[in-house]
Amino acid sequence: ASCSLLGRCCHERLEEHMEKELQELCGFLDSEREDLRIAAALATADYSGTAEGTSILARCGDALLRPLINLLRTEDEGASHAAAALVNISQQPASRSQLIALGAVQFTIKAICKSTSLPSAVGRCCMLLANLTQFEDARDQLLVSPLLPNLLDRYSNLHTERHFAHMPLVLTHLLATSGGRRCVLEHPSAVPALMKQFTAAANTGCSSDSDQNVGDDRRSIAFALRNLCFEAATSAPSRTLLLERLALLVAPMVAPLSPPSTTFTDDEAASFPSELRTALGSAGTYAADDELRLALSEALLCLTTAADATAFIKELAIYPILREAQMQEENTHVLEVNEKLIKGLFWTGAAVTPSSNQDESQVEEVPD
């Protein structure tokens, strides 16, 4: 018992020491000297790298969060370190709410859109925005931001850069709203960029170092596509805009459902249109991840609520792909959605809706 008491006392003294250090750091975060700002931001980022440090940082409140947010405006390493600290701090819901109230969403968007921002700062700001927009208040702020078109422009132009890898998670959250789907569908390049990023992730070389990142990238894009396809609903205001994108969307979403061991008859293979044959022939197309297959199947199922989309999908002659996918599928959730998809497309011609307890407001949380 005495050892336990001693340990607790030491822990409390250590926390007190860390809190004192952090209070001193707060004064340097807004120093006029660049070197002091950068050093203080780096030290704060280091503190945020542990659960204990993040907990203590969260207790500092506005005194710490305000100068960290302000640092996002700079064009030096201080912005990158500040964003790293904020990403970790924003893992805590209470701190996330504070950041949103302090205007972190707008500061983050500005940092991403600014051409002079360091790539490392842009990448971490994308992560921060993905964390913040898990909350409805932040999504609302993003939706009404005058910089949203600029953000979509920036993503469309630079989606191939690694520091934009977390933007599909931001889009997933944005596309959870009808207004967000309208903004993305009205933008001339956002959906094409999303599909190019999805295809590029499938074609990325599968080294042991890249497998996890590639899987995460494809999964987050699939979640975004699923939310986008909710706009196929009969009453959706931007339904026409979505249906105009079918040629871009459908084949790349169908191809990953085809198991790699599948062989088609000559007649079946000949019936596939060129865009589907191209998608099927891409290296690494098959979605081995259960969540990825589920999201893509749900996206296609959403599209069947529109007669025009159902007719378009049928013209792709995808029944052999869905048949083989269903025969080899082991995940019960994917099996359920695929069965409804096949029935809706080829058995009754009737539209069906997703049944996996997912709706347009239920989006994937940002991984820790």
Protein backbone atom coordinates (compact mmCIF):
# COMPACT_ATOMS: atom_id res chain seq x y z
CA ALA A 1 0.00 0.00 0.00
CA SER A 2 2.86 2.38 0.83
CA CYS A 3 4.49 1.67 -2.55
CA SER A 4 1.20 2.41 -4.26
CA LEU A 5 0.83 5.67 -2.36
CA LEU A 6 4.41 6.64 -3.20
CA GLY A 7 3.85 5.88 -6.86
CA ARG A 8 0.70 7.96 -6.92
CA CYS A 9 2.49 10.88 -5.27
CA CYS A 10 5.34 10.69 -7.77
CA HIS A 11 2.84 10.58 -10.62
CA GLU A 12 1.04 13.64 -9.29
CA ARG A 13 4.32 15.53 -8.87
CA LEU A 14 5.29 14.61 -12.43
CA GLU A 15 1.97 15.87 -13.75
CA GLU A 16 2.40 19.11 -11.82
CA HIS A 17 5.87 19.51 -13.32
CA MET A 18 4.56 18.85 -16.85
CA GLU A 19 1.69 21.31 -16.38
CA LYS A 20 4.13 23.99 -15.22
CA GLU A 21 6.33 23.37 -18.24
CA LEU A 22 3.35 23.57 -20.56
CA GLN A 23 2.19 26.83 -19.04
CA GLU A 24 5.63 28.24 -19.78
CA LEU A 25 5.46 26.86 -23.32
CA CYS A 26 2.19 28.69 -23.96
CA GLY A 27 4.01 31.98 -23.66
CA PHE A 28 6.55 30.98 -26.32
CA LEU A 29 3.97 29.72 -28.84
CA ASP A 30 3.07 33.28 -29.81
CA SER A 31 6.55 34.72 -29.47
CA GLU A 32 7.71 37.21 -32.08
CA ARG A 33 10.85 35.10 -32.52
CA GLU A 34 10.36 32.36 -35.10
CA ASP A 35 12.90 30.00 -33.53
CA LEU A 36 11.16 30.15 -30.15
CA ARG A 37 7.73 29.56 -31.70
CA ILE A 38 8.99 26.54 -33.61
CA ALA A 39 10.77 25.07 -30.57
CA ALA A 40 7.68 25.55 -28.38
CA ALA A 41 5.41 23.99 -31.02
CA LEU A 42 7.75 21.02 -31.38
CA ALA A 43 7.84 20.49 -27.62
CA THR A 44 4.03 20.64 -27.50
CA ALA A 45 3.78 18.11 -30.33
CA ASP A 46 6.14 15.81 -28.42
CA TYR A 47 4.00 16.11 -25.29
CA SER A 48 0.90 15.24 -27.30
CA GLY A 49 2.45 11.98 -28.45
CA THR A 50 1.35 10.12 -25.31
CA ALA A 51 -2.09 9.66 -23.76
CA GLU A 52 -0.86 11.22 -20.51
CA GLY A 53 0.62 14.22 -22.29
CA THR A 54 -2.52 14.75 -24.36
CA SER A 55 -4.65 14.63 -21.22
CA ILE A 56 -2.53 17.33 -19.57
CA LEU A 57 -2.52 19.45 -22.73
CA ALA A 58 -6.30 19.26 -22.87
CA ARG A 59 -6.52 20.75 -19.38
CA CYS A 60 -4.61 23.84 -20.52
CA GLY A 61 -7.67 24.88 -22.55
CA ASP A 62 -7.76 28.15 -24.49
CA ALA A 63 -4.37 29.28 -23.19
CA LEU A 64 -2.79 26.52 -25.28
CA LEU A 65 -5.31 25.96 -28.07
CA ARG A 66 -5.51 29.57 -29.26
CA PRO A 67 -1.78 30.03 -29.93
CA LEU A 68 -1.58 26.57 -31.54
CA ILE A 69 -4.43 27.47 -33.88
CA ASN A 70 -2.80 30.82 -34.68
CA LEU A 71 0.42 29.02 -35.60
CA LEU A 72 -1.41 27.31 -38.47
CA ARG A 73 -1.20 30.66 -40.29
CA THR A 74 2.59 30.60 -40.39
CA GLU A 75 4.64 29.22 -43.26
CA ASP A 76 7.41 27.56 -41.25
CA GLU A 77 7.85 24.32 -39.32
CA GLY A 78 5.89 25.82 -36.45
CA ALA A 79 2.66 25.28 -38.40
CA SER A 80 3.50 21.63 -38.99
CA HIS A 81 4.35 21.00 -35.32
CA ALA A 82 1.25 22.88 -34.16
CA ALA A 83 -0.96 20.84 -36.49
CA ALA A 84 0.61 17.62 -35.20
CA ALA A 85 -0.18 18.61 -31.62
CA LEU A 86 -3.74 19.61 -32.55
CA VAL A 87 -4.34 16.31 -34.35
CA ASN A 88 -3.50 14.43 -31.17
CA ILE A 89 -5.35 16.81 -28.86
CA SER A 90 -8.45 16.65 -31.06
CA GLN A 91 -8.74 12.92 -30.38
CA GLN A 92 -10.43 13.95 -27.13
CA PRO A 93 -14.08 14.94 -27.76
CA ALA A 94 -14.03 17.80 -25.22
CA SER A 95 -10.95 19.33 -26.82
CA ARG A 96 -12.43 18.82 -30.25
CA SER A 97 -15.47 20.84 -29.21
CA GLN A 98 -13.22 23.60 -27.86
CA LEU A 99 -11.24 23.73 -31.08
CA ILE A 100 -14.39 24.02 -33.16
CA ALA A 101 -15.68 26.83 -30.95
CA LEU A 102 -12.35 28.67 -31.32
CA GLY A 103 -12.62 28.64 -35.12
CA ALA A 104 -10.09 25.90 -35.83
CA VAL A 105 -12.06 24.72 -38.87
CA GLN A 106 -11.50 27.96 -40.81
CA PHE A 107 -7.85 28.24 -39.79
CA THR A 108 -7.29 24.64 -40.91
CA ILE A 109 -8.97 25.16 -44.28
CA LYS A 110 -6.88 28.28 -44.89
CA ALA A 111 -3.67 26.40 -44.11
CA ILE A 112 -4.59 23.62 -46.54
CA CYS A 113 -5.52 26.03 -49.31
CA LYS A 114 -2.47 28.27 -48.94
CA SER A 115 0.05 27.48 -51.66
CA THR A 116 2.98 28.51 -49.44
CA SER A 117 2.13 26.06 -46.66
CA LEU A 118 4.65 23.27 -46.07
CA PRO A 119 3.48 19.86 -47.35
CA SER A 120 3.90 18.40 -43.85
CA ALA A 121 1.63 21.11 -42.44
CA VAL A 122 -0.97 20.51 -45.17
CA GLY A 123 -1.00 16.77 -44.49
CA ARG A 124 -1.47 17.25 -40.76
CA CYS A 125 -4.12 19.91 -41.30
CA CYS A 126 -6.04 17.44 -43.48
CA MET A 127 -5.86 14.97 -40.59
CA LEU A 128 -7.02 17.67 -38.17
CA LEU A 129 -9.95 18.65 -40.41
CA ALA A 130 -10.92 14.97 -40.67
CA ASN A 131 -10.97 14.75 -36.88
CA LEU A 132 -12.93 17.97 -36.40
CA THR A 133 -15.58 17.21 -39.03
CA GLN A 134 -16.63 14.10 -37.17
CA PHE A 135 -18.73 16.63 -35.21
CA GLU A 136 -21.82 18.12 -36.84
CA ASP A 137 -20.89 21.68 -35.83
CA ALA A 138 -17.61 21.42 -37.72
CA ARG A 139 -19.34 19.94 -40.77
CA ASP A 140 -21.76 22.84 -40.74
CA GLN A 141 -18.87 25.32 -40.57
CA LEU A 142 -17.13 23.59 -43.46
CA LEU A 143 -20.30 23.57 -45.53
CA VAL A 144 -20.88 27.33 -45.22
CA SER A 145 -17.21 28.28 -45.49
CA PRO A 146 -16.49 30.58 -48.45
CA LEU A 147 -13.24 28.65 -48.78
CA LEU A 148 -14.93 25.29 -49.47
CA PRO A 149 -14.66 25.70 -53.28
CA ASN A 150 -10.97 26.55 -52.83
CA LEU A 151 -10.51 23.45 -50.68
CA LEU A 152 -12.11 21.27 -53.36
CA ASP A 153 -9.94 22.99 -56.00
CA ARG A 154 -6.82 22.28 -53.98
CA TYR A 155 -7.76 18.66 -53.46
CA SER A 156 -8.67 18.18 -57.14
CA ASN A 157 -5.33 19.56 -58.29
CA LEU A 158 -3.15 17.78 -55.73
CA HIS A 159 -5.04 14.58 -54.87
CA THR A 160 -2.08 12.46 -55.99
CA GLU A 161 0.16 14.01 -53.32
CA ARG A 162 0.58 11.91 -50.19
CA HIS A 163 -0.22 14.83 -47.89
CA PHE A 164 -3.78 14.83 -49.27
CA ALA A 165 -4.34 11.18 -48.33
CA HIS A 166 -6.74 12.12 -45.50
CA MET A 167 -8.96 14.38 -47.60
CA PRO A 168 -11.34 11.50 -48.50
CA LEU A 169 -12.13 11.23 -44.78
CA VAL A 170 -13.01 14.92 -44.76
CA LEU A 171 -15.19 14.34 -47.82
CA THR A 172 -16.82 11.33 -46.13
CA HIS A 173 -17.99 13.59 -43.32
CA LEU A 174 -18.99 16.40 -45.68
CA LEU A 175 -20.91 13.97 -47.92
CA ALA A 176 -22.95 12.83 -44.92
CA THR A 177 -25.11 15.90 -45.59
CA SER A 178 -27.25 16.69 -48.60
CA GLY A 179 -25.67 20.14 -48.81
CA GLY A 180 -22.21 18.61 -48.84
CA ARG A 181 -23.17 16.24 -51.64
CA ARG A 182 -24.49 19.17 -53.64
CA CYS A 183 -21.23 21.13 -53.22
CA VAL A 184 -19.07 18.17 -54.24
CA LEU A 185 -21.27 17.21 -57.19
CA GLU A 186 -21.42 20.80 -58.44
CA HIS A 187 -17.63 21.09 -58.35
CA PRO A 188 -16.30 20.13 -61.80
CA SER A 189 -13.27 18.18 -60.61
CA ALA A 190 -13.90 16.85 -57.10
CA VAL A 191 -15.61 13.56 -58.01
CA PRO A 192 -13.16 12.80 -60.87
CA ALA A 193 -10.28 13.41 -58.43
CA LEU A 194 -11.86 11.07 -55.89
CA MET A 195 -12.19 8.31 -58.49
CA LYS A 196 -8.63 8.83 -59.73
CA GLN A 197 -7.38 8.58 -56.15
CA PHE A 198 -9.40 5.38 -55.67
CA THR A 199 -7.96 3.80 -58.82
CA ALA A 200 -4.44 4.94 -57.97
CA ALA A 201 -4.70 3.38 -54.50
CA ALA A 202 -5.66 0.05 -56.09
CA ASN A 203 -2.70 0.24 -58.46
CA THR A 204 -0.13 1.24 -55.84
CA GLY A 205 2.70 -1.23 -55.48
CA CYS A 206 2.01 -3.65 -52.66
CA SER A 207 5.18 -3.43 -50.62
CA SER A 208 5.00 -4.46 -46.98
CA ASP A 209 5.33 -0.81 -45.99
CA SER A 210 2.50 0.42 -48.20
CA ASP A 211 -0.17 -2.28 -47.75
CA GLN A 212 -1.78 -0.74 -44.67
CA ASN A 213 -1.78 2.80 -46.05
CA VAL A 214 -3.20 1.65 -49.38
CA GLY A 215 -5.96 -0.28 -47.62
CA ASP A 216 -6.82 2.72 -45.45
CA ASP A 217 -6.88 5.02 -48.48
CA ARG A 218 -9.23 2.82 -50.48
CA ARG A 219 -11.49 2.26 -47.49
CA SER A 220 -11.87 5.96 -46.74
CA ILE A 221 -12.62 6.72 -50.40
CA ALA A 222 -15.21 3.91 -50.47
CA PHE A 223 -16.92 5.44 -47.44
CA ALA A 224 -17.01 8.78 -49.26
CA LEU A 225 -18.48 7.15 -52.38
CA ARG A 226 -21.13 5.39 -50.34
CA ASN A 227 -22.22 8.66 -48.77
CA LEU A 228 -22.18 10.35 -52.17
CA CYS A 229 -24.54 7.71 -53.57
CA PHE A 230 -27.18 8.51 -50.95
CA GLU A 231 -28.04 11.37 -53.31
CA ALA A 232 -29.71 8.79 -55.59
CA ALA A 233 -32.74 8.87 -53.27
CA THR A 234 -35.95 9.95 -54.99
CA SER A 235 -36.29 13.19 -53.03
CA ALA A 236 -32.59 14.14 -53.10
CA PRO A 237 -32.12 17.67 -54.54
CA SER A 238 -28.89 16.85 -56.39
CA ARG A 239 -30.00 13.50 -57.77
CA THR A 240 -29.63 14.62 -61.40
CA LEU A 241 -26.04 15.74 -60.78
CA LEU A 242 -25.20 12.31 -59.34
CA LEU A 243 -26.78 10.43 -62.24
CA GLU A 244 -24.68 12.49 -64.65
CA ARG A 245 -21.59 10.95 -62.99
CA LEU A 246 -22.63 7.29 -63.40
CA ALA A 247 -20.16 6.56 -66.19
CA LEU A 248 -17.36 7.76 -63.93
CA LEU A 249 -18.53 5.98 -60.78
CA VAL A 250 -19.98 2.57 -61.46
CA ALA A 251 -17.27 0.46 -63.17
CA PRO A 252 -14.51 1.32 -60.64
CA MET A 253 -16.93 0.47 -57.80
CA VAL A 254 -17.99 -2.87 -59.32
CA ALA A 255 -14.54 -4.17 -60.26
CA PRO A 256 -13.17 -4.50 -56.68
CA LEU A 257 -16.02 -6.90 -55.87
CA SER A 258 -14.74 -9.49 -58.37
CA PRO A 259 -12.67 -12.18 -56.57
CA PRO A 260 -9.21 -12.65 -58.11
CA SER A 261 -9.77 -16.38 -58.70
CA THR A 262 -12.89 -15.78 -60.81
CA THR A 263 -12.97 -16.99 -64.40
CA PHE A 264 -15.73 -15.91 -66.75
CA THR A 265 -16.99 -17.64 -69.87
CA ASP A 266 -15.97 -16.15 -73.19
CA ASP A 267 -19.48 -14.81 -73.71
CA GLU A 268 -19.55 -13.21 -70.26
CA ALA A 269 -16.15 -11.59 -70.70
CA ALA A 270 -17.13 -10.33 -74.16
CA SER A 271 -20.28 -8.74 -72.71
CA PHE A 272 -18.31 -6.45 -70.39
CA PRO A 273 -17.95 -2.91 -71.77
CA SER A 274 -14.45 -1.56 -72.21
CA GLU A 275 -14.48 0.60 -69.06
CA LEU A 276 -15.35 -2.43 -66.92
CA ARG A 277 -12.72 -4.62 -68.60
CA THR A 278 -10.15 -1.90 -67.91
CA ALA A 279 -11.15 -1.68 -64.25
CA LEU A 280 -11.09 -5.48 -63.87
CA GLY A 281 -7.64 -5.64 -65.43
CA SER A 282 -6.02 -3.17 -63.02
CA ALA A 283 -3.47 -4.63 -60.61
CA GLY A 284 -4.64 -4.98 -57.03
CA THR A 285 -8.25 -4.15 -57.89
CA TYR A 286 -9.94 -6.76 -55.67
CA ALA A 287 -11.08 -5.42 -52.31
CA ALA A 288 -9.79 -7.95 -49.78
CA ASP A 289 -10.98 -5.73 -46.94
CA ASP A 290 -14.51 -6.58 -45.71
CA GLU A 291 -15.41 -2.97 -44.87
CA LEU A 292 -14.28 -1.82 -48.30
CA ARG A 293 -16.44 -4.40 -50.10
CA LEU A 294 -19.39 -3.57 -47.86
CA ALA A 295 -19.12 0.17 -48.56
CA LEU A 296 -18.91 -0.38 -52.33
CA SER A 297 -21.84 -2.79 -52.31
CA GLU A 298 -23.88 -0.32 -50.28
CA ALA A 299 -23.01 2.46 -52.71
CA LEU A 300 -24.24 0.39 -55.64
CA LEU A 301 -27.36 -0.57 -53.71
CA CYS A 302 -28.08 3.11 -53.06
CA LEU A 303 -27.90 3.74 -56.80
CA THR A 304 -30.62 1.18 -57.47
CA THR A 305 -33.15 3.58 -55.93
CA ALA A 306 -32.92 5.48 -59.23
CA ALA A 307 -34.37 3.78 -62.31
CA ASP A 308 -31.84 5.48 -64.61
CA ALA A 309 -28.96 4.21 -62.48
CA THR A 310 -30.42 0.69 -62.37
CA ALA A 311 -30.67 0.64 -66.16
CA PHE A 312 -27.11 1.93 -66.51
CA ILE A 313 -25.72 -0.72 -64.15
CA LYS A 314 -27.58 -3.46 -66.02
CA GLU A 315 -26.00 -2.30 -69.29
CA LEU A 316 -22.59 -3.02 -67.78
CA ALA A 317 -23.56 -6.71 -67.68
CA ILE A 318 -22.23 -7.10 -64.15
CA TYR A 319 -24.36 -10.08 -63.11
CA PRO A 320 -21.50 -12.60 -63.55
CA ILE A 321 -19.32 -10.47 -61.25
CA LEU A 322 -21.98 -10.21 -58.55
CA ARG A 323 -22.81 -13.92 -58.92
CA GLU A 324 -19.21 -15.00 -58.36
CA ALA A 325 -18.72 -12.45 -55.58
CA GLN A 326 -21.80 -13.79 -53.80
CA MET A 327 -20.68 -17.41 -54.18
CA GLN A 328 -17.25 -16.70 -52.68
CA GLU A 329 -18.25 -14.11 -50.07
CA GLU A 330 -17.81 -15.09 -46.42
CA ASN A 331 -18.79 -11.88 -44.64
CA THR A 332 -22.45 -12.03 -43.63
CA HIS A 333 -23.02 -8.26 -43.91
CA VAL A 334 -21.62 -8.13 -47.44
CA LEU A 335 -23.65 -11.23 -48.36
CA GLU A 336 -26.84 -9.54 -47.19
CA VAL A 337 -26.23 -6.36 -49.16
CA ASN A 338 -25.11 -8.25 -52.29
CA GLU A 339 -28.24 -10.40 -52.21
CA LYS A 340 -30.42 -7.29 -52.14
CA LEU A 341 -28.32 -5.75 -54.90
CA ILE A 342 -28.76 -8.80 -57.16
CA LYS A 343 -32.49 -8.95 -56.45
CA GLY A 344 -32.93 -5.26 -57.11
CA LEU A 345 -31.03 -5.36 -60.37
CA PHE A 346 -31.86 -8.71 -61.93
CA TRP A 347 -34.70 -10.51 -60.19
CA THR A 348 -37.60 -8.13 -59.72
CA GLY A 349 -36.28 -4.86 -61.10
CA ALA A 350 -37.50 -3.26 -57.87
CA ALA A 351 -35.32 -0.83 -56.02
CA VAL A 352 -34.15 -1.75 -52.54
CA THR A 353 -32.47 0.23 -49.82
CA PRO A 354 -29.39 -0.54 -47.71
CA SER A 355 -30.09 -2.58 -44.61
CA SER A 356 -26.81 -2.58 -42.75
CA ASN A 357 -27.83 0.03 -40.18
CA GLN A 358 -25.86 2.62 -42.14
CA ASP A 359 -27.43 5.90 -43.13
CA GLU A 360 -26.12 9.14 -44.53
CA SER A 361 -25.24 10.45 -41.07
CA GLN A 362 -23.27 7.38 -40.00
CA VAL A 363 -19.72 7.78 -41.21
CA GLU A 364 -16.45 6.14 -40.32
CA GLU A 365 -14.48 7.63 -37.46
CA VAL A 366 -10.93 8.82 -38.07
CA PRO A 367 -8.43 6.14 -36.97
CA ASP A 368 -6.28 7.05 -34.00
